[in-house]
Amino acid sequence: NDPEFKAKALLWTKRFFDKSYLLASMVEEEFVQEGRLSRGVKQRNEKGIWVLQATSMPSILVETGFITHRPDEDYLNSEKGQEEIATNILNAIKRYREATEGTASNRK
C-alpha cells in the first residue's frame, strides 16, 4: 500500500504500454485469422492486475475462451484447440519480435 511503490508501478506500466498493446493486438489478429471471435484488445483502467503491473517489460493477459460457454470449453479442452491457441500465441510473439527487434538477418 506504499504510495511511492504504487507510483513507480504505474510509471513502469505506462512505459511499456505501447509495446504491450502491440503484442496484444498481434495475438488478437492471430486468433481472428484462425476464425475465432474477436472482442478486441482491452485496457483495464480501474484496479490493475498485479502480474501485468509489476513487470519491467511488455506484458499481456491472453483470454483464450470462457469455460462457462460450452463450445469454448470443448475447444479449450481439445488437443486441436490447445495446439491452435499455442501456435497463434507463438506466431504473434515471433511477429512482435520482428517488429520490435528486426529479423535475425538485420542484426549483427
N, C-alpha and C. Protein backbone atom coordinates (compact mmCIF):
# COMPACT_ATOMS: atom_id res chain seq x y z
N ASN A 1 0.81 -1.21 0.00
CA ASN A 1 0.00 0.00 0.00
C ASN A 1 0.85 1.27 0.00
N ASP A 2 2.14 1.14 -0.20
CA ASP A 2 3.05 2.28 -0.20
C ASP A 2 2.77 3.15 -1.43
N PRO A 3 2.43 4.43 -1.24
CA PRO A 3 2.11 5.31 -2.37
C PRO A 3 3.28 5.46 -3.35
N GLU A 4 4.50 5.50 -2.84
CA GLU A 4 5.67 5.63 -3.71
C GLU A 4 5.80 4.39 -4.60
N PHE A 5 5.60 3.22 -4.02
CA PHE A 5 5.67 1.98 -4.79
C PHE A 5 4.58 1.95 -5.86
N LYS A 6 3.37 2.37 -5.51
CA LYS A 6 2.26 2.39 -6.47
C LYS A 6 2.58 3.34 -7.63
N ALA A 7 3.17 4.48 -7.32
CA ALA A 7 3.53 5.44 -8.36
C ALA A 7 4.59 4.86 -9.30
N LYS A 8 5.58 4.18 -8.73
CA LYS A 8 6.61 3.56 -9.57
C LYS A 8 6.01 2.46 -10.45
N ALA A 9 5.12 1.66 -9.88
CA ALA A 9 4.47 0.59 -10.66
C ALA A 9 3.68 1.18 -11.81
N LEU A 10 3.00 2.28 -11.57
CA LEU A 10 2.23 2.93 -12.62
C LEU A 10 3.14 3.46 -13.73
N LEU A 11 4.27 4.01 -13.36
CA LEU A 11 5.23 4.50 -14.36
C LEU A 11 5.77 3.36 -15.21
N TRP A 12 6.08 2.21 -14.58
CA TRP A 12 6.56 1.05 -15.34
C TRP A 12 5.49 0.58 -16.30
N THR A 13 4.24 0.52 -15.85
CA THR A 13 3.13 0.08 -16.70
C THR A 13 3.00 1.00 -17.90
N LYS A 14 3.04 2.31 -17.67
CA LYS A 14 2.91 3.27 -18.77
C LYS A 14 4.10 3.20 -19.72
N ARG A 15 5.26 2.93 -19.18
CA ARG A 15 6.47 2.87 -20.01
C ARG A 15 6.36 1.79 -21.07
N PHE A 16 5.75 0.68 -20.74
CA PHE A 16 5.67 -0.44 -21.66
C PHE A 16 4.30 -0.61 -22.29
N PHE A 17 3.40 0.35 -22.09
CA PHE A 17 2.03 0.22 -22.59
C PHE A 17 1.98 0.01 -24.10
N ASP A 18 2.69 0.83 -24.87
CA ASP A 18 2.62 0.74 -26.33
C ASP A 18 3.08 -0.64 -26.83
N LYS A 19 4.16 -1.14 -26.26
CA LYS A 19 4.64 -2.45 -26.68
C LYS A 19 3.68 -3.56 -26.23
N SER A 20 3.12 -3.42 -25.06
CA SER A 20 2.14 -4.40 -24.59
C SER A 20 0.91 -4.40 -25.51
N TYR A 21 0.48 -3.21 -25.88
CA TYR A 21 -0.69 -3.10 -26.77
C TYR A 21 -0.38 -3.72 -28.14
N LEU A 22 0.81 -3.50 -28.65
CA LEU A 22 1.20 -4.07 -29.93
C LEU A 22 1.17 -5.59 -29.86
N LEU A 23 1.77 -6.16 -28.83
CA LEU A 23 1.78 -7.61 -28.68
C LEU A 23 0.37 -8.15 -28.53
N ALA A 24 -0.44 -7.52 -27.71
CA ALA A 24 -1.83 -7.98 -27.52
C ALA A 24 -2.60 -7.92 -28.84
N SER A 25 -2.38 -6.88 -29.62
CA SER A 25 -3.06 -6.76 -30.93
C SER A 25 -2.64 -7.87 -31.87
N MET A 26 -1.37 -8.23 -31.83
CA MET A 26 -0.88 -9.30 -32.70
C MET A 26 -1.46 -10.65 -32.29
N VAL A 27 -1.58 -10.89 -30.99
CA VAL A 27 -2.21 -12.14 -30.53
C VAL A 27 -3.66 -12.18 -31.01
N GLU A 28 -4.36 -11.07 -30.85
CA GLU A 28 -5.76 -10.99 -31.28
C GLU A 28 -5.88 -11.24 -32.79
N GLU A 29 -4.99 -10.65 -33.58
CA GLU A 29 -5.01 -10.86 -35.04
C GLU A 29 -4.81 -12.34 -35.39
N GLU A 30 -3.91 -13.00 -34.68
CA GLU A 30 -3.67 -14.43 -34.93
C GLU A 30 -4.92 -15.24 -34.63
N PHE A 31 -5.60 -14.93 -33.54
CA PHE A 31 -6.84 -15.64 -33.20
C PHE A 31 -7.90 -15.42 -34.28
N VAL A 32 -8.03 -14.19 -34.75
CA VAL A 32 -9.03 -13.86 -35.77
C VAL A 32 -8.73 -14.61 -37.07
N GLN A 33 -7.46 -14.66 -37.46
CA GLN A 33 -7.08 -15.39 -38.67
C GLN A 33 -7.42 -16.87 -38.56
N GLU A 34 -7.47 -17.39 -37.35
CA GLU A 34 -7.81 -18.80 -37.11
C GLU A 34 -9.33 -18.99 -37.12
N GLY A 35 -10.07 -17.86 -37.16
CA GLY A 35 -11.53 -17.94 -37.21
C GLY A 35 -12.20 -17.76 -35.86
N ARG A 36 -11.44 -17.34 -34.86
CA ARG A 36 -12.03 -17.12 -33.54
C ARG A 36 -12.68 -15.75 -33.48
N LEU A 37 -13.66 -15.61 -32.63
CA LEU A 37 -14.37 -14.35 -32.43
C LEU A 37 -13.47 -13.33 -31.74
N SER A 38 -13.46 -12.11 -32.23
CA SER A 38 -12.65 -11.05 -31.62
C SER A 38 -13.52 -10.15 -30.78
N ARG A 39 -13.11 -9.96 -29.56
CA ARG A 39 -13.77 -8.99 -28.69
C ARG A 39 -12.88 -7.76 -28.52
N GLY A 40 -11.78 -7.73 -29.27
CA GLY A 40 -10.89 -6.59 -29.25
C GLY A 40 -9.90 -6.62 -28.10
N VAL A 41 -8.90 -5.78 -28.21
CA VAL A 41 -7.89 -5.63 -27.16
C VAL A 41 -8.42 -4.60 -26.18
N LYS A 42 -8.37 -4.94 -24.92
CA LYS A 42 -8.91 -4.06 -23.89
C LYS A 42 -7.80 -3.61 -22.94
N GLN A 43 -7.91 -2.39 -22.48
CA GLN A 43 -7.03 -1.86 -21.44
C GLN A 43 -7.87 -1.71 -20.20
N ARG A 44 -7.43 -2.30 -19.13
CA ARG A 44 -8.17 -2.21 -17.88
C ARG A 44 -7.80 -0.91 -17.18
N ASN A 45 -8.78 -0.04 -16.96
CA ASN A 45 -8.49 1.28 -16.40
C ASN A 45 -8.74 1.40 -14.90
N GLU A 46 -9.51 0.47 -14.35
CA GLU A 46 -9.72 0.55 -12.90
C GLU A 46 -8.55 -0.14 -12.21
N LYS A 47 -8.78 -0.91 -11.20
CA LYS A 47 -7.69 -1.57 -10.49
C LYS A 47 -6.90 -2.46 -11.44
N GLY A 48 -5.60 -2.32 -11.37
CA GLY A 48 -4.72 -3.08 -12.25
C GLY A 48 -4.57 -4.54 -11.83
N ILE A 49 -4.01 -5.29 -12.71
CA ILE A 49 -3.72 -6.69 -12.46
C ILE A 49 -2.24 -6.76 -12.09
N TRP A 50 -1.94 -7.26 -10.92
CA TRP A 50 -0.59 -7.22 -10.37
C TRP A 50 0.44 -7.81 -11.33
N VAL A 51 0.18 -8.97 -11.92
CA VAL A 51 1.18 -9.60 -12.78
C VAL A 51 1.47 -8.78 -14.03
N LEU A 52 0.58 -7.88 -14.38
CA LEU A 52 0.82 -7.02 -15.53
C LEU A 52 1.50 -5.72 -15.12
N GLN A 53 1.27 -5.29 -13.91
CA GLN A 53 1.85 -4.02 -13.46
C GLN A 53 3.25 -4.17 -12.88
N ALA A 54 3.54 -5.32 -12.31
CA ALA A 54 4.80 -5.49 -11.60
C ALA A 54 5.89 -6.06 -12.50
N THR A 55 5.91 -5.61 -13.74
CA THR A 55 6.92 -6.10 -14.68
C THR A 55 7.71 -4.94 -15.24
N SER A 56 8.91 -5.23 -15.64
CA SER A 56 9.73 -4.21 -16.29
C SER A 56 9.92 -4.61 -17.75
N MET A 57 8.80 -5.00 -18.36
CA MET A 57 8.79 -5.42 -19.77
C MET A 57 7.34 -5.37 -20.25
N PRO A 58 7.14 -5.45 -21.55
CA PRO A 58 5.77 -5.54 -22.04
C PRO A 58 5.08 -6.78 -21.47
N SER A 59 3.80 -6.66 -21.15
CA SER A 59 3.07 -7.79 -20.58
C SER A 59 1.62 -7.74 -21.02
N ILE A 60 1.06 -8.93 -21.24
CA ILE A 60 -0.35 -9.03 -21.64
C ILE A 60 -0.98 -10.21 -20.90
N LEU A 61 -2.29 -10.20 -20.85
CA LEU A 61 -3.07 -11.31 -20.34
C LEU A 61 -3.90 -11.80 -21.51
N VAL A 62 -3.75 -13.07 -21.87
CA VAL A 62 -4.46 -13.63 -23.02
C VAL A 62 -5.68 -14.40 -22.53
N GLU A 63 -6.83 -13.97 -22.99
CA GLU A 63 -8.08 -14.66 -22.67
C GLU A 63 -8.38 -15.58 -23.84
N THR A 64 -8.31 -16.87 -23.59
CA THR A 64 -8.43 -17.85 -24.69
C THR A 64 -9.86 -18.35 -24.88
N GLY A 65 -10.73 -18.06 -23.96
CA GLY A 65 -12.11 -18.50 -24.06
C GLY A 65 -12.77 -18.49 -22.70
N PHE A 66 -14.00 -18.95 -22.66
CA PHE A 66 -14.78 -18.94 -21.42
C PHE A 66 -15.26 -20.36 -21.13
N ILE A 67 -14.85 -20.90 -20.00
CA ILE A 67 -15.28 -22.26 -19.68
C ILE A 67 -16.76 -22.32 -19.32
N THR A 68 -17.39 -21.18 -19.12
CA THR A 68 -18.83 -21.15 -18.87
C THR A 68 -19.63 -21.22 -20.17
N HIS A 69 -18.96 -21.14 -21.31
CA HIS A 69 -19.59 -21.25 -22.63
C HIS A 69 -19.18 -22.61 -23.20
N ARG A 70 -20.13 -23.52 -23.33
CA ARG A 70 -19.82 -24.92 -23.66
C ARG A 70 -18.94 -25.08 -24.91
N PRO A 71 -19.22 -24.38 -26.03
CA PRO A 71 -18.34 -24.54 -27.19
C PRO A 71 -16.89 -24.11 -26.90
N ASP A 72 -16.71 -23.04 -26.14
CA ASP A 72 -15.36 -22.61 -25.74
C ASP A 72 -14.71 -23.67 -24.87
N GLU A 73 -15.46 -24.18 -23.91
CA GLU A 73 -14.91 -25.20 -23.01
C GLU A 73 -14.44 -26.42 -23.79
N ASP A 74 -15.27 -26.86 -24.74
CA ASP A 74 -14.90 -28.03 -25.56
C ASP A 74 -13.64 -27.75 -26.37
N TYR A 75 -13.57 -26.55 -26.95
CA TYR A 75 -12.41 -26.16 -27.76
C TYR A 75 -11.14 -26.10 -26.89
N LEU A 76 -11.26 -25.47 -25.72
CA LEU A 76 -10.11 -25.34 -24.82
C LEU A 76 -9.62 -26.69 -24.30
N ASN A 77 -10.52 -27.63 -24.16
CA ASN A 77 -10.15 -28.96 -23.67
C ASN A 77 -9.66 -29.88 -24.77
N SER A 78 -9.85 -29.49 -26.02
CA SER A 78 -9.44 -30.36 -27.12
C SER A 78 -7.96 -30.16 -27.45
N GLU A 79 -7.33 -31.21 -27.95
CA GLU A 79 -5.93 -31.12 -28.36
C GLU A 79 -5.79 -30.12 -29.51
N LYS A 80 -6.73 -30.16 -30.45
CA LYS A 80 -6.72 -29.24 -31.59
C LYS A 80 -6.79 -27.78 -31.12
N GLY A 81 -7.70 -27.50 -30.20
CA GLY A 81 -7.84 -26.14 -29.68
C GLY A 81 -6.59 -25.67 -28.97
N GLN A 82 -6.01 -26.52 -28.14
CA GLN A 82 -4.80 -26.16 -27.41
C GLN A 82 -3.63 -25.92 -28.36
N GLU A 83 -3.52 -26.75 -29.39
CA GLU A 83 -2.46 -26.57 -30.40
C GLU A 83 -2.64 -25.25 -31.14
N GLU A 84 -3.87 -24.98 -31.57
CA GLU A 84 -4.13 -23.74 -32.31
C GLU A 84 -3.84 -22.50 -31.46
N ILE A 85 -4.29 -22.52 -30.22
CA ILE A 85 -4.07 -21.37 -29.33
C ILE A 85 -2.57 -21.16 -29.11
N ALA A 86 -1.85 -22.24 -28.81
CA ALA A 86 -0.41 -22.13 -28.58
C ALA A 86 0.31 -21.62 -29.83
N THR A 87 -0.08 -22.14 -30.98
CA THR A 87 0.53 -21.72 -32.25
C THR A 87 0.23 -20.25 -32.53
N ASN A 88 -1.01 -19.84 -32.29
CA ASN A 88 -1.38 -18.43 -32.51
C ASN A 88 -0.54 -17.50 -31.63
N ILE A 89 -0.39 -17.85 -30.37
CA ILE A 89 0.39 -17.01 -29.45
C ILE A 89 1.86 -16.99 -29.86
N LEU A 90 2.39 -18.15 -30.23
CA LEU A 90 3.79 -18.22 -30.67
C LEU A 90 4.01 -17.38 -31.93
N ASN A 91 3.10 -17.48 -32.89
CA ASN A 91 3.23 -16.68 -34.12
C ASN A 91 3.18 -15.19 -33.81
N ALA A 92 2.32 -14.79 -32.88
CA ALA A 92 2.24 -13.38 -32.50
C ALA A 92 3.54 -12.91 -31.85
N ILE A 93 4.12 -13.74 -31.01
CA ILE A 93 5.39 -13.38 -30.36
C ILE A 93 6.49 -13.24 -31.40
N LYS A 94 6.53 -14.13 -32.37
CA LYS A 94 7.53 -14.03 -33.43
C LYS A 94 7.35 -12.74 -34.23
N ARG A 95 6.10 -12.42 -34.57
CA ARG A 95 5.83 -11.18 -35.30
C ARG A 95 6.22 -9.96 -34.47
N TYR A 96 5.93 -10.01 -33.18
CA TYR A 96 6.27 -8.92 -32.28
C TYR A 96 7.78 -8.70 -32.24
N ARG A 97 8.52 -9.79 -32.10
CA ARG A 97 9.99 -9.67 -32.07
C ARG A 97 10.51 -9.09 -33.37
N GLU A 98 9.96 -9.53 -34.50
CA GLU A 98 10.40 -8.97 -35.79
C GLU A 98 10.10 -7.49 -35.86
N ALA A 99 8.94 -7.09 -35.34
CA ALA A 99 8.54 -5.68 -35.41
C ALA A 99 9.35 -4.80 -34.46
N THR A 100 9.74 -5.34 -33.33
CA THR A 100 10.42 -4.50 -32.33
C THR A 100 11.93 -4.64 -32.35
N GLU A 101 12.43 -5.79 -32.81
CA GLU A 101 13.88 -6.02 -32.78
C GLU A 101 14.46 -6.19 -34.17
N GLY A 102 13.65 -6.34 -35.17
CA GLY A 102 14.14 -6.62 -36.51
C GLY A 102 14.39 -8.12 -36.66
N THR A 103 14.52 -8.59 -37.87
CA THR A 103 14.77 -10.00 -38.09
C THR A 103 16.21 -10.36 -37.77
N ALA A 104 16.48 -11.62 -37.62
CA ALA A 104 17.83 -12.06 -37.28
C ALA A 104 18.84 -11.64 -38.33
N SER A 105 18.41 -11.59 -39.59
CA SER A 105 19.32 -11.21 -40.66
C SER A 105 19.68 -9.73 -40.60
N ASN A 106 18.85 -8.91 -39.93
CA ASN A 106 19.12 -7.48 -39.82
C ASN A 106 20.05 -7.17 -38.64
N ARG A 107 20.20 -8.12 -37.73
CA ARG A 107 21.05 -7.88 -36.57
C ARG A 107 22.46 -8.38 -36.82
N LYS A 108 23.42 -7.75 -36.17
CA LYS A 108 24.82 -8.16 -36.33
C LYS A 108 25.26 -8.95 -35.13
